Every structure is written in C-alpha cells, then in structure tokens.
C-alpha atoms as a PDB file:
ATOM      1  CA  UNK A   1      27.069  22.825   1.496  1.00  0.00           C
ATOM      2  CA  UNK A   2      24.608  25.129   0.527  1.00  0.00           C
ATOM      3  CA  UNK A   3      21.001  24.173   1.279  1.00  0.00           C
ATOM      4  CA  UNK A   4      19.011  22.963  -1.968  1.00  0.00           C
ATOM      5  CA  UNK A   5      16.361  25.340  -2.734  1.00  0.00           C
ATOM      6  CA  UNK A   6      13.071  25.375  -4.955  1.00  0.00           C
ATOM      7  CA  UNK A   7      10.244  27.835  -5.496  1.00  0.00           C
ATOM      8  CA  UNK A   8       7.525  27.475  -7.610  1.00  0.00           C
ATOM      9  CA  UNK A   9       3.598  29.009  -8.245  1.00  0.00           C
ATOM     10  CA  UNK A  10       1.188  26.321  -9.179  1.00  0.00           C
ATOM     11  CA  UNK A  11      -2.414  26.633  -9.134  1.00  0.00           C
ATOM     12  CA  UNK A  12      -2.682  29.551  -6.902  1.00  0.00           C
ATOM     13  CA  UNK A  13      -0.374  27.457  -4.650  1.00  0.00           C
ATOM     14  CA  UNK A  14       2.598  28.831  -4.002  1.00  0.00           C
ATOM     15  CA  UNK A  15       5.505  26.464  -2.849  1.00  0.00           C
ATOM     16  CA  UNK A  16       9.063  26.588  -1.106  1.00  0.00           C
ATOM     17  CA  UNK A  17      10.902  23.660  -0.292  1.00  0.00           C
ATOM     18  CA  UNK A  18      14.618  24.509   1.451  1.00  0.00           C
ATOM     19  CA  UNK A  19      16.419  20.711   1.972  1.00  0.00           C
ATOM     20  CA  UNK A  20      19.958  19.735   3.087  1.00  0.00           C
ATOM     21  CA  UNK A  21      21.347  16.166   4.461  1.00  0.00           C
ATOM     22  CA  UNK A  22      23.629  16.179   7.361  1.00  0.00           C
ATOM     23  CA  UNK A  23      25.405  13.391   9.171  1.00  0.00           C
ATOM     24  CA  UNK A  24      22.827  12.717  11.957  1.00  0.00           C
ATOM     25  CA  UNK A  25      20.244   9.569  11.238  1.00  0.00           C
ATOM     26  CA  UNK A  26      16.976  11.359  11.930  1.00  0.00           C
ATOM     27  CA  UNK A  27      14.859  12.895   9.497  1.00  0.00           C
ATOM     28  CA  UNK A  28      14.070  16.647  10.584  1.00  0.00           C
ATOM     29  CA  UNK A  29      10.916  18.049   8.248  1.00  0.00           C
ATOM     30  CA  UNK A  30       8.972  21.363   9.284  1.00  0.00           C
ATOM     31  CA  UNK A  31       6.053  21.921   7.200  1.00  0.00           C
ATOM     32  CA  UNK A  32       3.943  25.168   7.339  1.00  0.00           C
ATOM     33  CA  UNK A  33       0.956  26.188   5.622  1.00  0.00           C
ATOM     34  CA  UNK A  34       0.344  30.178   5.201  1.00  0.00           C
ATOM     35  CA  UNK A  35       3.083  30.618   7.705  1.00  0.00           C
ATOM     36  CA  UNK A  36       1.028  28.426  10.066  1.00  0.00           C
ATOM     37  CA  UNK A  37       3.404  25.607  11.242  1.00  0.00           C
ATOM     38  CA  UNK A  38       1.844  21.693  11.114  1.00  0.00           C
ATOM     39  CA  UNK A  39       3.523  19.435  13.534  1.00  0.00           C
ATOM     40  CA  UNK A  40       1.539  16.626  11.904  1.00  0.00           C
ATOM     41  CA  UNK A  41       2.639  17.188   8.362  1.00  0.00           C
ATOM     42  CA  UNK A  42      -0.025  16.802   6.343  1.00  0.00           C
ATOM     43  CA  UNK A  43      -0.765  16.215   2.493  1.00  0.00           C
ATOM     44  CA  UNK A  44       2.164  18.314   1.146  1.00  0.00           C
ATOM     45  CA  UNK A  45       4.812  16.395   3.621  1.00  0.00           C
ATOM     46  CA  UNK A  46       3.128  13.315   1.922  1.00  0.00           C
ATOM     47  CA  UNK A  47       3.955  14.422  -1.768  1.00  0.00           C
ATOM     48  CA  UNK A  48       7.064  15.880  -0.696  1.00  0.00           C
ATOM     49  CA  UNK A  49       8.099  12.281   0.638  1.00  0.00           C
ATOM     50  CA  UNK A  50       6.685  10.385  -2.213  1.00  0.00           C
ATOM     51  CA  UNK A  51       8.299  12.815  -4.727  1.00  0.00           C
ATOM     52  CA  UNK A  52      11.839  12.899  -3.548  1.00  0.00           C
ATOM     53  CA  UNK A  53      11.704   9.352  -3.061  1.00  0.00           C
ATOM     54  CA  UNK A  54      10.702   8.759  -6.647  1.00  0.00           C
ATOM     55  CA  UNK A  55      13.084  11.456  -8.221  1.00  0.00           C
ATOM     56  CA  UNK A  56      15.861   9.600  -6.348  1.00  0.00           C
ATOM     57  CA  UNK A  57      15.133   6.426  -7.767  1.00  0.00           C
ATOM     58  CA  UNK A  58      14.717   7.772 -10.941  1.00  0.00           C
ATOM     59  CA  UNK A  59      18.106   9.561 -10.840  1.00  0.00           C
ATOM     60  CA  UNK A  60      19.598   6.176 -10.084  1.00  0.00           C
ATOM     61  CA  UNK A  61      18.053   4.208 -12.958  1.00  0.00           C
ATOM     62  CA  UNK A  62      18.686   7.065 -15.092  1.00  0.00           C
ATOM     63  CA  UNK A  63      22.502   7.197 -14.472  1.00  0.00           C
ATOM     64  CA  UNK A  64      22.401   3.412 -14.220  1.00  0.00           C
ATOM     65  CA  UNK A  65      24.257   3.855 -10.712  1.00  0.00           C
ATOM     66  CA  UNK A  66      22.995   0.283  -9.288  1.00  0.00           C
ATOM     67  CA  UNK A  67      24.522  -1.930 -12.237  1.00  0.00           C
ATOM     68  CA  UNK A  68      23.182  -5.121 -10.545  1.00  0.00           C
ATOM     69  CA  UNK A  69      20.132  -5.013  -8.247  1.00  0.00           C
ATOM     70  CA  UNK A  70      22.095  -4.898  -4.624  1.00  0.00           C
ATOM     71  CA  UNK A  71      19.458  -3.333  -2.477  1.00  0.00           C
ATOM     72  CA  UNK A  72      15.992  -1.515  -2.577  1.00  0.00           C
ATOM     73  CA  UNK A  73      16.204   2.170  -1.957  1.00  0.00           C
ATOM     74  CA  UNK A  74      12.967   3.016   0.432  1.00  0.00           C
ATOM     75  CA  UNK A  75      11.789   6.563   1.281  1.00  0.00           C
ATOM     76  CA  UNK A  76      13.414   6.164   4.819  1.00  0.00           C
ATOM     77  CA  UNK A  77      16.616   5.922   3.289  1.00  0.00           C
ATOM     78  CA  UNK A  78      16.363   8.767   0.982  1.00  0.00           C
ATOM     79  CA  UNK A  79      15.275  10.950   4.198  1.00  0.00           C
ATOM     80  CA  UNK A  80      17.909   9.386   6.439  1.00  0.00           C
ATOM     81  CA  UNK A  81      19.602  12.766   8.026  1.00  0.00           C
ATOM     82  CA  UNK A  82      17.653  15.015   5.737  1.00  0.00           C
ATOM     83  CA  UNK A  83      16.628  18.578   7.081  1.00  0.00           C
ATOM     84  CA  UNK A  84      13.686  19.866   5.003  1.00  0.00           C
ATOM     85  CA  UNK A  85      11.579  23.173   5.608  1.00  0.00           C
ATOM     86  CA  UNK A  86       8.048  22.976   3.224  1.00  0.00           C
ATOM     87  CA  UNK A  87       6.188  26.383   2.964  1.00  0.00           C
ATOM     88  CA  UNK A  88       2.540  26.477   1.112  1.00  0.00           C
ATOM     89  CA  UNK A  89       0.940  29.628   0.798  1.00  0.00           C
ATOM     90  CA  UNK A  90      -2.525  28.818  -0.679  1.00  0.00           C
ATOM     91  CA  UNK A  91      -6.198  30.344  -0.632  1.00  0.00           C
ATOM     92  CA  UNK A  92      -8.438  28.409   1.914  1.00  0.00           C
ATOM     93  CA  UNK A  93      -6.318  25.868   3.363  1.00  0.00           C
ATOM     94  CA  UNK A  94      -8.323  22.788   5.197  1.00  0.00           C
ATOM     95  CA  UNK A  95      -6.785  21.272   8.205  1.00  0.00           C
ATOM     96  CA  UNK A  96      -7.515  18.022  10.272  1.00  0.00           C
ATOM     97  CA  UNK A  97      -8.771  19.829  13.399  1.00  0.00           C
ATOM     98  CA  UNK A  98      -8.895  23.420  14.607  1.00  0.00           C
ATOM     99  CA  UNK A  99      -5.572  23.480  15.834  1.00  0.00           C
ATOM    100  CA  UNK A 100      -4.152  23.166  12.440  1.00  0.00           C
ATOM    101  CA  UNK A 101      -1.526  20.342  13.308  1.00  0.00           C
ATOM    102  CA  UNK A 102      -2.363  18.559   9.784  1.00  0.00           C
ATOM    103  CA  UNK A 103      -2.846  19.775   6.662  1.00  0.00           C
ATOM    104  CA  UNK A 104      -5.740  17.580   4.608  1.00  0.00           C
ATOM    105  CA  UNK A 105      -6.313  19.731   1.527  1.00  0.00           C
ATOM    106  CA  UNK A 106      -5.913  17.600  -1.296  1.00  0.00           C
ATOM    107  CA  UNK A 107      -4.592  19.969  -3.941  1.00  0.00           C
ATOM    108  CA  UNK A 108      -1.347  20.261  -1.925  1.00  0.00           C
ATOM    109  CA  UNK A 109       0.008  16.705  -2.637  1.00  0.00           C
ATOM    110  CA  UNK A 110       0.352  16.541  -6.254  1.00  0.00           C
ATOM    111  CA  UNK A 111       1.819  20.455  -6.406  1.00  0.00           C
ATOM    112  CA  UNK A 112       4.325  19.646  -4.023  1.00  0.00           C
ATOM    113  CA  UNK A 113       5.102  16.037  -5.715  1.00  0.00           C
ATOM    114  CA  UNK A 114       5.361  17.859  -9.005  1.00  0.00           C
ATOM    115  CA  UNK A 115       7.528  20.574  -7.960  1.00  0.00           C
ATOM    116  CA  UNK A 116      10.170  18.075  -6.314  1.00  0.00           C
ATOM    117  CA  UNK A 117      10.034  15.698  -9.146  1.00  0.00           C
ATOM    118  CA  UNK A 118      10.937  18.307 -11.977  1.00  0.00           C
ATOM    119  CA  UNK A 119      13.106  20.478  -9.889  1.00  0.00           C
ATOM    120  CA  UNK A 120      15.073  17.709  -7.922  1.00  0.00           C
ATOM    121  CA  UNK A 121      15.771  15.834 -10.531  1.00  0.00           C
ATOM    122  CA  UNK A 122      16.854  18.948 -12.591  1.00  0.00           C
ATOM    123  CA  UNK A 123      19.099  20.003  -9.461  1.00  0.00           C
ATOM    124  CA  UNK A 124      20.935  16.181  -9.362  1.00  0.00           C
ATOM    125  CA  UNK A 125      21.531  16.378 -13.120  1.00  0.00           C
ATOM    126  CA  UNK A 126      23.338  19.685 -13.143  1.00  0.00           C
ATOM    127  CA  UNK A 127      25.314  18.913  -9.704  1.00  0.00           C
ATOM    128  CA  UNK A 128      26.731  15.852 -10.394  1.00  0.00           C
ATOM    129  CA  UNK A 129      29.341  16.163  -7.139  1.00  0.00           C
ATOM    130  CA  UNK A 130      26.462  17.233  -4.751  1.00  0.00           C
ATOM    131  CA  UNK A 131      24.509  14.533  -6.103  1.00  0.00           C
ATOM    132  CA  UNK A 132      27.145  11.967  -5.612  1.00  0.00           C
ATOM    133  CA  UNK A 133      27.157  12.916  -2.111  1.00  0.00           C
ATOM    134  CA  UNK A 134      23.315  12.435  -1.935  1.00  0.00           C
ATOM    135  CA  UNK A 135      23.368   9.257  -3.336  1.00  0.00           C
ATOM    136  CA  UNK A 136      26.425   8.057  -1.263  1.00  0.00           C
ATOM    137  CA  UNK A 137      24.446   8.586   1.846  1.00  0.00           C
ATOM    138  CA  UNK A 138      21.126   7.205   0.675  1.00  0.00           C
ATOM    139  CA  UNK A 139      23.131   4.151  -0.477  1.00  0.00           C
ATOM    140  CA  UNK A 140      24.878   3.504   2.842  1.00  0.00           C
ATOM    141  CA  UNK A 141      21.620   3.822   4.590  1.00  0.00           C
ATOM    142  CA  UNK A 142      19.995   1.225   2.267  1.00  0.00           C
ATOM    143  CA  UNK A 143      23.003  -1.036   2.919  1.00  0.00           C
ATOM    144  CA  UNK A 144      23.071  -0.444   6.834  1.00  0.00           C
ATOM    145  CA  UNK A 145      19.173  -1.154   6.823  1.00  0.00           C
ATOM    146  CA  UNK A 146      19.782  -4.393   4.953  1.00  0.00           C
ATOM    147  CA  UNK A 147      22.718  -5.745   7.098  1.00  0.00           C
ATOM    148  CA  UNK A 148      20.692  -4.863  10.119  1.00  0.00           C
ATOM    149  CA  UNK A 149      18.016  -7.157   8.688  1.00  0.00           C
ATOM    150  CA  UNK A 150      20.171 -10.029   7.897  1.00  0.00           C
ATOM    151  CA  UNK A 151      21.538  -9.875  11.354  1.00  0.00           C
ATOM    152  CA  UNK A 152      18.176 -10.029  12.847  1.00  0.00           C
ATOM    153  CA  UNK A 153      17.436 -13.300  10.712  1.00  0.00           C
ATOM    154  CA  UNK A 154      20.725 -14.709  11.509  1.00  0.00           C
ATOM    155  CA  UNK A 155      19.907 -14.299  15.169  1.00  0.00           C
ATOM    156  CA  UNK A 156      15.966 -15.623  15.093  1.00  0.00           C
ATOM    157  CA  UNK A 157      17.419 -18.518  12.978  1.00  0.00           C
ATOM    158  CA  UNK A 158      20.020 -19.230  15.843  1.00  0.00           C
ATOM    159  CA  UNK A 159      17.520 -18.963  18.238  1.00  0.00           C
ATOM    160  CA  UNK A 160      15.276 -21.568  16.562  1.00  0.00           C
ATOM    161  CA  UNK A 161      18.172 -24.388  16.185  1.00  0.00           C
ATOM    162  CA  UNK A 162      18.992 -23.686  20.026  1.00  0.00           C
ATOM    163  CA  UNK A 163      15.517 -24.405  20.840  1.00  0.00           C
ATOM    164  CA  UNK A 164      15.554 -27.962  18.509  1.00  0.00           C
ATOM    165  CA  UNK A 165      18.678 -29.357  20.236  1.00  0.00           C
ATOM    166  CA  UNK A 166      16.329 -29.552  23.463  1.00  0.00           C
END
C-alpha cells in the first residue's frame, strides 16, 4: 500500500516521517537532520523506535486484540520488515562527532516520540484494514521469535540430558 506519512512543526523542530512495512525481515531506517544523513541514528531514532512500539502496544490494548496473554511484543517485532525515513529540521543541532554520524540533541527524542504516539495511533484507528496487516506482521514476528526461543531451550535441555547419561 501507500507509505504512511506524518509531518509536524513542534517547538522550532520540523519533523517528517515516512514508514512502510515490506515482506523482508530486516529493518531499514534512514535518519536525517537538516538534510545531513546520520548513519548511526541518534536521539530522533530512539524517539521513533520508542514511540512506534508504544503506539502499537497501546493500539492492541485499546482494540483488545490479544484476549489472552499469548506473547509479549517487543520493539524488534514491531520493526521487522519496516522501511522508514526520519527527517528533522531544527536550529543548532548537536552531533556526537564532527562527522555528524549521530544526533545527540536531547529535544529531538520527545518531539519525535510525541509525533509518532499521536499521529500513528490516529492512523491505525482510522485505517483498520492497513492496521490489521501491520499487526499481522508484528504478531507473526513475535510468534516466530517465541518459537525460536522455545526451540533453543529444547536443544539446550536435550544436550544437558545427553551429557547426564555418561
């Protein structure tokens, strides 16, 4: 479908976020501040990740989509297969080094987190078919992670029992 797009101006910070989910398993997020790419992300990426995970969990709770506590959803599950671009325009950004690989401006995180919390939740409520697709992908990732953990535990237990027979 069409990518999801949000834009806002908040305390002299202009934020634009575009995101979509694909059939892949890795996360691909590009971060920019004043059109300068940040390879290592930074505070805007941390705010995006936290806000996105919180919005998905709140939506699941609000819509009562997990009737019984089946599996705990993590941020990794939410971001599996996600493609996103985060662009901030702000006066006097602070970076971790002269190469500007990571944004460390503290005001970026709450601004991005608020944008995602407010607008993404509204988007999910307004677009139920797309929300169900996104949540299907998130839950599939959570179930796969849980199944892999159980398989690992079984293999380890089996290995311990084999050694005990000697």
